[in-house]
């Protein structure tokens, strides 16, 4: 398979299938690790390499030229947050968001990850604020990951 076609196929089919619905998850490290493993298996298969070839993951990423899955998961979540933030305050989505943020209770075990908290961590990592989401063009350019 030509490399250009292989890259387009990965971006148009594989990545979209893996990220379907991921914008609403409170993404945990275990989710990211499982996604990385699945993506690397597919990329190795597409490049016709096996683990026995002992080719480093970074070399395969460079060969295919795609962005890491955790960056794309972060971008999808922040893109959805931008949609929600720009919605009318009376819309059902905004009401559900307010209820989800207000109903955080502490039970046994480690604290649960909530979507709002994960989004705030991602915004802090990228050094962007919630108010920037109101301008769609600026928001898209700030959260965009190439590849």
Protein backbone atom coordinates (compact mmCIF):
# COMPACT_ATOMS: atom_id res chain seq x y z
CA UNK A 1 0.00 0.00 0.00
CA UNK A 2 1.49 3.40 -0.91
CA UNK A 3 2.46 5.44 2.13
CA UNK A 4 0.30 8.43 1.17
CA UNK A 5 -2.79 6.24 0.88
CA UNK A 6 -1.89 4.46 4.11
CA UNK A 7 -1.68 7.78 5.98
CA UNK A 8 -5.02 8.97 4.59
CA UNK A 9 -6.66 5.68 5.51
CA UNK A 10 -5.35 5.92 9.07
CA UNK A 11 -6.58 9.50 9.52
CA UNK A 12 -9.96 8.97 7.84
CA UNK A 13 -10.96 5.57 9.21
CA UNK A 14 -8.81 4.15 11.99
CA UNK A 15 -8.33 7.24 14.13
CA UNK A 16 -11.97 8.33 13.77
CA UNK A 17 -13.18 4.88 14.80
CA UNK A 18 -10.91 4.82 17.85
CA UNK A 19 -11.85 8.34 18.94
CA UNK A 20 -15.60 7.92 18.45
CA UNK A 21 -17.23 9.34 21.59
CA UNK A 22 -13.89 10.06 23.28
CA UNK A 23 -14.68 13.77 23.58
CA UNK A 24 -17.13 12.98 26.39
CA UNK A 25 -14.91 10.60 28.38
CA UNK A 26 -13.09 11.62 31.51
CA UNK A 27 -9.88 10.26 29.95
CA UNK A 28 -7.71 8.25 32.35
CA UNK A 29 -4.13 7.11 31.93
CA UNK A 30 -5.36 3.55 31.37
CA UNK A 31 -7.50 4.75 28.45
CA UNK A 32 -4.54 6.53 26.91
CA UNK A 33 -2.29 3.50 27.30
CA UNK A 34 -4.83 1.15 25.70
CA UNK A 35 -5.30 3.56 22.80
CA UNK A 36 -1.54 3.85 22.28
CA UNK A 37 -1.19 0.07 22.17
CA UNK A 38 -4.04 -0.34 19.68
CA UNK A 39 -2.72 2.45 17.45
CA UNK A 40 0.84 1.09 17.46
CA UNK A 41 -0.42 -2.37 16.51
CA UNK A 42 -2.34 -0.90 13.58
CA UNK A 43 0.52 1.31 12.46
CA UNK A 44 2.97 -1.60 12.59
CA UNK A 45 0.53 -3.70 10.59
CA UNK A 46 0.03 -0.91 8.03
CA UNK A 47 3.81 -0.48 7.68
CA UNK A 48 4.24 -4.27 7.40
CA UNK A 49 6.50 -4.42 10.45
CA UNK A 50 6.27 -6.77 13.40
CA UNK A 51 7.60 -6.41 16.91
CA UNK A 52 10.25 -8.96 15.97
CA UNK A 53 11.72 -6.40 13.56
CA UNK A 54 12.64 -4.35 16.67
CA UNK A 55 11.76 -1.02 15.11
CA UNK A 56 11.18 1.72 17.67
CA UNK A 57 7.74 3.28 18.02
CA UNK A 58 9.17 6.73 17.36
CA UNK A 59 10.56 5.56 14.03
CA UNK A 60 7.15 4.24 13.00
CA UNK A 61 5.47 7.51 14.06
CA UNK A 62 8.00 9.42 11.91
CA UNK A 63 7.49 7.05 8.97
CA UNK A 64 3.71 7.42 9.00
CA UNK A 65 3.73 11.09 10.06
CA UNK A 66 0.73 11.13 12.42
CA UNK A 67 0.25 12.81 15.79
CA UNK A 68 0.23 10.78 19.02
CA UNK A 69 -3.19 9.49 20.11
CA UNK A 70 -3.18 11.20 23.52
CA UNK A 71 -2.79 14.60 21.83
CA UNK A 72 -5.67 13.82 19.49
CA UNK A 73 -7.85 12.67 22.42
CA UNK A 74 -7.10 15.94 24.20
CA UNK A 75 -7.96 17.90 21.05
CA UNK A 76 -11.29 16.05 20.66
CA UNK A 77 -12.30 16.75 24.26
CA UNK A 78 -11.37 20.42 24.01
CA UNK A 79 -13.19 20.75 20.69
CA UNK A 80 -16.35 19.38 22.31
CA UNK A 81 -15.87 21.72 25.28
CA UNK A 82 -15.73 24.64 22.83
CA UNK A 83 -19.04 23.55 21.30
CA UNK A 84 -20.64 23.26 24.73
CA UNK A 85 -19.23 26.60 25.89
CA UNK A 86 -20.59 28.43 22.86
CA UNK A 87 -24.09 26.97 23.34
CA UNK A 88 -26.98 28.94 24.84
CA UNK A 89 -27.19 28.76 28.65
CA UNK A 90 -30.71 27.30 28.45
CA UNK A 91 -29.75 24.42 26.16
CA UNK A 92 -30.00 20.87 27.60
CA UNK A 93 -26.28 20.28 27.15
CA UNK A 94 -25.32 23.29 29.26
CA UNK A 95 -27.80 22.28 32.00
CA UNK A 96 -26.34 18.76 32.11
CA UNK A 97 -22.83 20.19 32.33
CA UNK A 98 -23.77 22.36 35.31
CA UNK A 99 -25.41 19.39 37.06
CA UNK A 100 -22.43 17.13 36.41
CA UNK A 101 -20.02 19.67 37.86
CA UNK A 102 -22.23 20.30 40.90
CA UNK A 103 -22.79 16.64 41.80
CA UNK A 104 -19.19 15.70 42.62
CA UNK A 105 -19.19 13.63 45.80
CA UNK A 106 -16.41 11.75 47.47
CA UNK A 107 -16.80 8.02 48.15
CA UNK A 108 -14.42 5.24 48.99
CA UNK A 109 -11.19 4.82 47.10
CA UNK A 110 -9.34 7.32 44.97
CA UNK A 111 -11.30 10.29 43.65
CA UNK A 112 -13.06 9.71 40.34
CA UNK A 113 -12.02 11.64 37.29
CA UNK A 114 -14.71 13.93 35.97
CA UNK A 115 -14.92 15.32 32.47
CA UNK A 116 -14.83 18.93 33.65
CA UNK A 117 -11.72 18.36 35.72
CA UNK A 118 -9.92 16.60 32.85
CA UNK A 119 -10.82 19.47 30.50
CA UNK A 120 -9.52 22.05 32.97
CA UNK A 121 -6.25 20.12 33.30
CA UNK A 122 -5.91 20.01 29.51
CA UNK A 123 -6.58 23.75 29.26
CA UNK A 124 -3.96 24.41 31.94
CA UNK A 125 -1.47 22.24 30.05
CA UNK A 126 -2.08 24.25 26.85
CA UNK A 127 -2.26 27.56 28.77
CA UNK A 128 -5.68 28.54 27.44
CA UNK A 129 -8.77 29.85 29.23
CA UNK A 130 -12.47 29.05 29.04
CA UNK A 131 -13.28 32.48 27.62
CA UNK A 132 -11.15 31.77 24.56
CA UNK A 133 -13.71 29.12 23.53
CA UNK A 134 -16.22 31.84 22.67
CA UNK A 135 -14.15 32.81 19.61
CA UNK A 136 -14.26 29.69 17.45
CA UNK A 137 -11.33 30.50 15.16
CA UNK A 138 -8.96 31.32 18.02
CA UNK A 139 -10.08 28.24 19.96
CA UNK A 140 -9.57 25.91 16.99
CA UNK A 141 -6.11 27.28 16.29
CA UNK A 142 -5.06 26.98 19.96
CA UNK A 143 -6.19 23.37 20.46
CA UNK A 144 -5.22 22.04 17.01
CA UNK A 145 -2.67 19.21 16.84
CA UNK A 146 -0.98 18.68 13.47
CA UNK A 147 -0.75 15.18 12.08
